[in-house]
Amino acid sequence: MRIRRLNGMFAISNQVEVNTVHELAKAGYKTLICNRPDNESTDQVAFDVVAVEAKRLGLKAIYLPIDEHGATEQDQAAFDQHVFACPKPIVAYCRSGTRSATLWAKFDVVHNGGHVGGTERRVDAMRSGALSVQHAASMAYATGFSAPRLNATTKIGSAASGIGRRSA
């Protein structure tokens, strides 16, 4: 699992597995949003399995699947509501993180005024793994968040982090 912090209150990730939920809780995340539909691939962990572990560890678990064609207006509205209502910080995931990043980018433009320099600059910042400007509204949610700040991308469940995967 690879986590990319987009700001102090929101991060994206590729597929979350049961054995990595503990590391998310340990890193200080309070909410887990799944944007990947169940059964999208045969090797995918079902959301219900991840949600049981998340809830056991005190994380709020939200299932908001977005199909490969993108989010509808209703999906975006539901995502926006969850961002406002759920405990921060939030990590959202899908297969690669792209659907979650797209939902966040639309939320950020509408509710935070977007990144200085417009959408193109936001895309560049997302590609590099982090945003260079953090909005006051987002920072207000980040109070008390003490996730590791080694770099914009933190790998969990890899040899680089020293956290191994459990085999079934």
C-alpha atoms as a PDB file:
ATOM      1  CA  MET A   1       0.000   0.000   0.000  1.00  0.00           C
ATOM      2  CA  ARG A   2       1.266   3.453  -0.945  1.00  0.00           C
ATOM      3  CA  ILE A   3      -0.156   6.540   0.800  1.00  0.00           C
ATOM      4  CA  ARG A   4       0.059  10.030  -0.682  1.00  0.00           C
ATOM      5  CA  ARG A   5      -0.839  12.941   1.565  1.00  0.00           C
ATOM      6  CA  LEU A   6      -2.572  15.667  -0.437  1.00  0.00           C
ATOM      7  CA  ASN A   7      -2.741  17.982   2.576  1.00  0.00           C
ATOM      8  CA  GLY A   8      -2.967  17.799   6.357  1.00  0.00           C
ATOM      9  CA  MET A   9      -6.433  16.282   6.406  1.00  0.00           C
ATOM     10  CA  PHE A  10      -6.615  14.066   3.326  1.00  0.00           C
ATOM     11  CA  ALA A  11      -4.555  11.295   1.748  1.00  0.00           C
ATOM     12  CA  ILE A  12      -5.071   8.813  -1.073  1.00  0.00           C
ATOM     13  CA  SER A  13      -3.922   5.240  -1.412  1.00  0.00           C
ATOM     14  CA  ASN A  14      -4.010   2.259  -3.661  1.00  0.00           C
ATOM     15  CA  GLN A  15      -5.807  -0.898  -2.412  1.00  0.00           C
ATOM     16  CA  VAL A  16      -5.885  -1.225   1.377  1.00  0.00           C
ATOM     17  CA  GLU A  17      -5.474  -4.711   2.790  1.00  0.00           C
ATOM     18  CA  VAL A  18      -6.560  -6.038   6.171  1.00  0.00           C
ATOM     19  CA  ASN A  19      -2.997  -6.289   7.469  1.00  0.00           C
ATOM     20  CA  THR A  20      -2.261  -2.628   6.650  1.00  0.00           C
ATOM     21  CA  VAL A  21      -5.292  -1.093   8.386  1.00  0.00           C
ATOM     22  CA  HIS A  22      -3.416  -1.230  11.713  1.00  0.00           C
ATOM     23  CA  GLU A  23      -0.659   0.937  10.210  1.00  0.00           C
ATOM     24  CA  LEU A  24      -3.239   3.495   9.051  1.00  0.00           C
ATOM     25  CA  ALA A  25      -4.652   3.693  12.573  1.00  0.00           C
ATOM     26  CA  LYS A  26      -1.137   3.918  14.029  1.00  0.00           C
ATOM     27  CA  ALA A  27      -0.342   6.785  11.613  1.00  0.00           C
ATOM     28  CA  GLY A  28      -3.309   8.726  13.007  1.00  0.00           C
ATOM     29  CA  TYR A  29      -5.941   8.347  10.310  1.00  0.00           C
ATOM     30  CA  LYS A  30      -9.514   8.473  11.614  1.00  0.00           C
ATOM     31  CA  THR A  31     -11.581   7.691   8.500  1.00  0.00           C
ATOM     32  CA  LEU A  32     -11.130   5.233   5.639  1.00  0.00           C
ATOM     33  CA  ILE A  33     -13.135   5.811   2.436  1.00  0.00           C
ATOM     34  CA  CYS A  34     -13.213   3.010  -0.136  1.00  0.00           C
ATOM     35  CA  ASN A  35     -13.799   4.260  -3.691  1.00  0.00           C
ATOM     36  CA  ARG A  36     -13.167   0.865  -5.288  1.00  0.00           C
ATOM     37  CA  PRO A  37     -16.170  -1.322  -6.141  1.00  0.00           C
ATOM     38  CA  ASP A  38     -16.021  -4.833  -4.713  1.00  0.00           C
ATOM     39  CA  ASN A  39     -15.176  -7.591  -7.205  1.00  0.00           C
ATOM     40  CA  GLU A  40     -13.326  -5.229  -9.546  1.00  0.00           C
ATOM     41  CA  SER A  41     -10.547  -7.835  -9.653  1.00  0.00           C
ATOM     42  CA  THR A  42     -10.164 -11.366  -8.339  1.00  0.00           C
ATOM     43  CA  ASP A  43      -7.244 -10.563  -6.014  1.00  0.00           C
ATOM     44  CA  GLN A  44      -9.015  -7.635  -4.323  1.00  0.00           C
ATOM     45  CA  VAL A  45      -9.939  -7.651  -0.633  1.00  0.00           C
ATOM     46  CA  ALA A  46     -13.672  -7.013  -0.148  1.00  0.00           C
ATOM     47  CA  PHE A  47     -14.580  -3.770   1.593  1.00  0.00           C
ATOM     48  CA  ASP A  48     -16.550  -5.551   4.325  1.00  0.00           C
ATOM     49  CA  VAL A  49     -13.406  -7.410   5.407  1.00  0.00           C
ATOM     50  CA  VAL A  50     -11.356  -4.192   5.553  1.00  0.00           C
ATOM     51  CA  ALA A  51     -14.214  -2.353   7.303  1.00  0.00           C
ATOM     52  CA  VAL A  52     -14.417  -4.893  10.147  1.00  0.00           C
ATOM     53  CA  GLU A  53     -10.726  -4.368  10.929  1.00  0.00           C
ATOM     54  CA  ALA A  54     -11.011  -0.587  10.544  1.00  0.00           C
ATOM     55  CA  LYS A  55     -13.946  -0.398  12.933  1.00  0.00           C
ATOM     56  CA  ARG A  56     -12.172  -2.692  15.408  1.00  0.00           C
ATOM     57  CA  LEU A  57      -9.286  -0.205  15.456  1.00  0.00           C
ATOM     58  CA  GLY A  58     -11.566   2.823  15.843  1.00  0.00           C
ATOM     59  CA  LEU A  59     -11.567   4.075  12.251  1.00  0.00           C
ATOM     60  CA  LYS A  60     -14.776   5.101  10.549  1.00  0.00           C
ATOM     61  CA  ALA A  61     -15.167   3.042   7.346  1.00  0.00           C
ATOM     62  CA  ILE A  62     -17.144   4.415   4.382  1.00  0.00           C
ATOM     63  CA  TYR A  63     -17.987   2.526   1.181  1.00  0.00           C
ATOM     64  CA  LEU A  64     -18.448   4.890  -1.766  1.00  0.00           C
ATOM     65  CA  PRO A  65     -17.587   2.846  -4.865  1.00  0.00           C
ATOM     66  CA  ILE A  66     -16.791   4.746  -8.060  1.00  0.00           C
ATOM     67  CA  ASP A  67     -16.821   2.734 -11.278  1.00  0.00           C
ATOM     68  CA  GLU A  68     -14.071   2.987 -13.861  1.00  0.00           C
ATOM     69  CA  HIS A  69     -16.021   5.593 -15.854  1.00  0.00           C
ATOM     70  CA  GLY A  70     -15.812   8.139 -13.046  1.00  0.00           C
ATOM     71  CA  ALA A  71     -17.977   9.720 -10.394  1.00  0.00           C
ATOM     72  CA  THR A  72     -21.506  10.926 -10.961  1.00  0.00           C
ATOM     73  CA  GLU A  73     -22.767  14.187  -9.476  1.00  0.00           C
ATOM     74  CA  GLN A  74     -24.432  12.122  -6.739  1.00  0.00           C
ATOM     75  CA  ASP A  75     -21.144  10.342  -5.994  1.00  0.00           C
ATOM     76  CA  GLN A  76     -19.335  13.679  -5.712  1.00  0.00           C
ATOM     77  CA  ALA A  77     -22.042  15.102  -3.454  1.00  0.00           C
ATOM     78  CA  ALA A  78     -21.817  12.035  -1.182  1.00  0.00           C
ATOM     79  CA  PHE A  79     -18.012  12.302  -1.094  1.00  0.00           C
ATOM     80  CA  ASP A  80     -18.223  16.001  -0.195  1.00  0.00           C
ATOM     81  CA  GLN A  81     -20.631  15.216   2.654  1.00  0.00           C
ATOM     82  CA  HIS A  82     -18.292  12.540   4.014  1.00  0.00           C
ATOM     83  CA  VAL A  83     -15.298  14.885   3.903  1.00  0.00           C
ATOM     84  CA  PHE A  84     -17.211  17.484   5.902  1.00  0.00           C
ATOM     85  CA  ALA A  85     -18.773  15.034   8.371  1.00  0.00           C
ATOM     86  CA  CYS A  86     -16.122  12.383   9.024  1.00  0.00           C
ATOM     87  CA  PRO A  87     -13.298  12.582  11.565  1.00  0.00           C
ATOM     88  CA  LYS A  88     -10.008  13.812  10.107  1.00  0.00           C
ATOM     89  CA  PRO A  89      -7.543  12.907   8.800  1.00  0.00           C
ATOM     90  CA  ILE A  90      -9.075  10.802   6.034  1.00  0.00           C
ATOM     91  CA  VAL A  91      -7.461   8.289   3.703  1.00  0.00           C
ATOM     92  CA  ALA A  92      -9.435   7.324   0.585  1.00  0.00           C
ATOM     93  CA  TYR A  93      -8.466   4.433  -1.641  1.00  0.00           C
ATOM     94  CA  CYS A  94      -9.228   2.653  -4.887  1.00  0.00           C
ATOM     95  CA  ARG A  95      -7.116   0.427  -7.155  1.00  0.00           C
ATOM     96  CA  SER A  96      -4.451   3.047  -7.875  1.00  0.00           C
ATOM     97  CA  GLY A  97      -5.635   6.132  -5.951  1.00  0.00           C
ATOM     98  CA  THR A  98      -6.708   8.014  -9.079  1.00  0.00           C
ATOM     99  CA  ARG A  99     -10.477   7.958  -8.461  1.00  0.00           C
ATOM    100  CA  SER A 100      -9.945   9.110  -4.872  1.00  0.00           C
ATOM    101  CA  ALA A 101      -7.586  11.893  -6.020  1.00  0.00           C
ATOM    102  CA  THR A 102     -10.109  13.048  -8.619  1.00  0.00           C
ATOM    103  CA  LEU A 103     -12.893  13.218  -6.024  1.00  0.00           C
ATOM    104  CA  TRP A 104     -10.617  15.218  -3.715  1.00  0.00           C
ATOM    105  CA  ALA A 105      -9.529  17.604  -6.491  1.00  0.00           C
ATOM    106  CA  LYS A 106     -13.152  18.439  -7.335  1.00  0.00           C
ATOM    107  CA  PHE A 107     -13.998  18.870  -3.640  1.00  0.00           C
ATOM    108  CA  ASP A 108     -10.984  21.115  -3.106  1.00  0.00           C
ATOM    109  CA  VAL A 109     -11.728  23.366  -6.086  1.00  0.00           C
ATOM    110  CA  VAL A 110     -15.369  23.857  -5.064  1.00  0.00           C
ATOM    111  CA  HIS A 111     -14.968  24.150  -1.285  1.00  0.00           C
ATOM    112  CA  ASN A 112     -11.422  25.450  -0.767  1.00  0.00           C
ATOM    113  CA  GLY A 113     -11.022  27.608  -3.858  1.00  0.00           C
ATOM    114  CA  GLY A 114      -8.538  25.286  -5.479  1.00  0.00           C
ATOM    115  CA  HIS A 115      -4.805  25.594  -5.582  1.00  0.00           C
ATOM    116  CA  VAL A 116      -3.126  28.890  -6.416  1.00  0.00           C
ATOM    117  CA  GLY A 117      -2.491  28.796 -10.145  1.00  0.00           C
ATOM    118  CA  GLY A 118      -5.572  26.788 -11.059  1.00  0.00           C
ATOM    119  CA  THR A 119      -6.312  23.206 -11.994  1.00  0.00           C
ATOM    120  CA  GLU A 120      -3.151  22.663 -14.040  1.00  0.00           C
ATOM    121  CA  ARG A 121      -0.927  23.481 -11.071  1.00  0.00           C
ATOM    122  CA  ARG A 122      -2.993  21.154  -8.855  1.00  0.00           C
ATOM    123  CA  VAL A 123      -2.442  18.294 -11.321  1.00  0.00           C
ATOM    124  CA  ASP A 124       1.313  18.961 -11.297  1.00  0.00           C
ATOM    125  CA  ALA A 125       1.320  18.994  -7.502  1.00  0.00           C
ATOM    126  CA  MET A 126      -0.660  15.755  -7.322  1.00  0.00           C
ATOM    127  CA  ARG A 127       1.714  14.076  -9.762  1.00  0.00           C
ATOM    128  CA  SER A 128       4.654  15.034  -7.587  1.00  0.00           C
ATOM    129  CA  GLY A 129       2.921  13.466  -4.594  1.00  0.00           C
ATOM    130  CA  ALA A 130       1.940  16.505  -2.563  1.00  0.00           C
ATOM    131  CA  LEU A 131       0.461  19.955  -2.805  1.00  0.00           C
ATOM    132  CA  SER A 132       2.747  22.912  -2.219  1.00  0.00           C
ATOM    133  CA  VAL A 133       0.080  25.172  -0.705  1.00  0.00           C
ATOM    134  CA  GLN A 134      -2.233  24.116   2.100  1.00  0.00           C
ATOM    135  CA  HIS A 135      -5.512  25.913   2.582  1.00  0.00           C
ATOM    136  CA  ALA A 136      -6.495  27.372   5.931  1.00  0.00           C
ATOM    137  CA  ALA A 137      -9.746  25.383   5.895  1.00  0.00           C
ATOM    138  CA  SER A 138      -7.837  22.138   5.413  1.00  0.00           C
ATOM    139  CA  MET A 139      -5.268  23.021   8.046  1.00  0.00           C
ATOM    140  CA  ALA A 140      -8.007  23.588  10.608  1.00  0.00           C
ATOM    141  CA  TYR A 141      -8.911  19.906  10.294  1.00  0.00           C
ATOM    142  CA  ALA A 142      -5.305  18.812  10.656  1.00  0.00           C
ATOM    143  CA  THR A 143      -4.901  19.880  14.277  1.00  0.00           C
ATOM    144  CA  GLY A 144      -3.379  17.054  16.222  1.00  0.00           C
ATOM    145  CA  PHE A 145      -2.423  15.019  13.151  1.00  0.00           C
ATOM    146  CA  SER A 146       1.096  13.675  13.529  1.00  0.00           C
ATOM    147  CA  ALA A 147       1.603  11.330  10.606  1.00  0.00           C
ATOM    148  CA  PRO A 148       5.182  10.575   9.613  1.00  0.00           C
ATOM    149  CA  ARG A 149       6.579  13.338   7.392  1.00  0.00           C
ATOM    150  CA  LEU A 150       9.424  11.495   5.727  1.00  0.00           C
ATOM    151  CA  ASN A 151       8.262  12.384   2.224  1.00  0.00           C
ATOM    152  CA  ALA A 152       5.098  12.822   0.214  1.00  0.00           C
ATOM    153  CA  THR A 153       4.773   9.090  -0.376  1.00  0.00           C
ATOM    154  CA  THR A 154       4.808   6.592   2.461  1.00  0.00           C
ATOM    155  CA  LYS A 155       4.886   2.917   1.622  1.00  0.00           C
ATOM    156  CA  ILE A 156       3.221   0.509   4.015  1.00  0.00           C
ATOM    157  CA  GLY A 157       3.447  -3.232   3.598  1.00  0.00           C
ATOM    158  CA  SER A 158       6.709  -3.083   1.676  1.00  0.00           C
ATOM    159  CA  ALA A 159      10.240  -4.160   2.433  1.00  0.00           C
ATOM    160  CA  ALA A 160      11.264  -0.478   2.430  1.00  0.00           C
ATOM    161  CA  SER A 161       9.105   0.254   5.459  1.00  0.00           C
ATOM    162  CA  GLY A 162      10.049  -2.926   7.279  1.00  0.00           C
ATOM    163  CA  ILE A 163       6.385  -3.874   7.524  1.00  0.00           C
ATOM    164  CA  GLY A 164       5.741  -7.216   5.927  1.00  0.00           C
ATOM    165  CA  ARG A 165       2.587  -8.661   4.473  1.00  0.00           C
ATOM    166  CA  ARG A 166       0.909 -11.578   6.129  1.00  0.00           C
ATOM    167  CA  SER A 167       0.087 -14.471   3.885  1.00  0.00           C
ATOM    168  CA  ALA A 168      -3.246 -16.219   4.184  1.00  0.00           C
END
